[in-house]
Amino acid sequence: MYEMIAGPATTGAGVTWHVRAKGDAGTTLCGQQTAQTVRARPLSDDAPTERYCSPCMSAVHERMQSEAR
């Protein structure tokens, strides 16, 4: 099982969404320490675009592919 966690944006304002395993509160799938995470705020019309971490999303995709086999 996985969960999404908000981390600081790598460029500009806003957040980047990462993925971590439910049982591993220490790091995200891309290796970021969860101590660097930020609190996500509700979206508003002038809120910066939220992004998803490509390495995390790729890791989830690969794991789901291997579990489906």
Foldseek 3Di string as FASTA:
>chain_A
DKDWFWAADPDDHDTEIFICDPVCQQATQVGHGCVRTDDHDDDDPPHDDYHYDPSRVVVVVVVVVVVVD
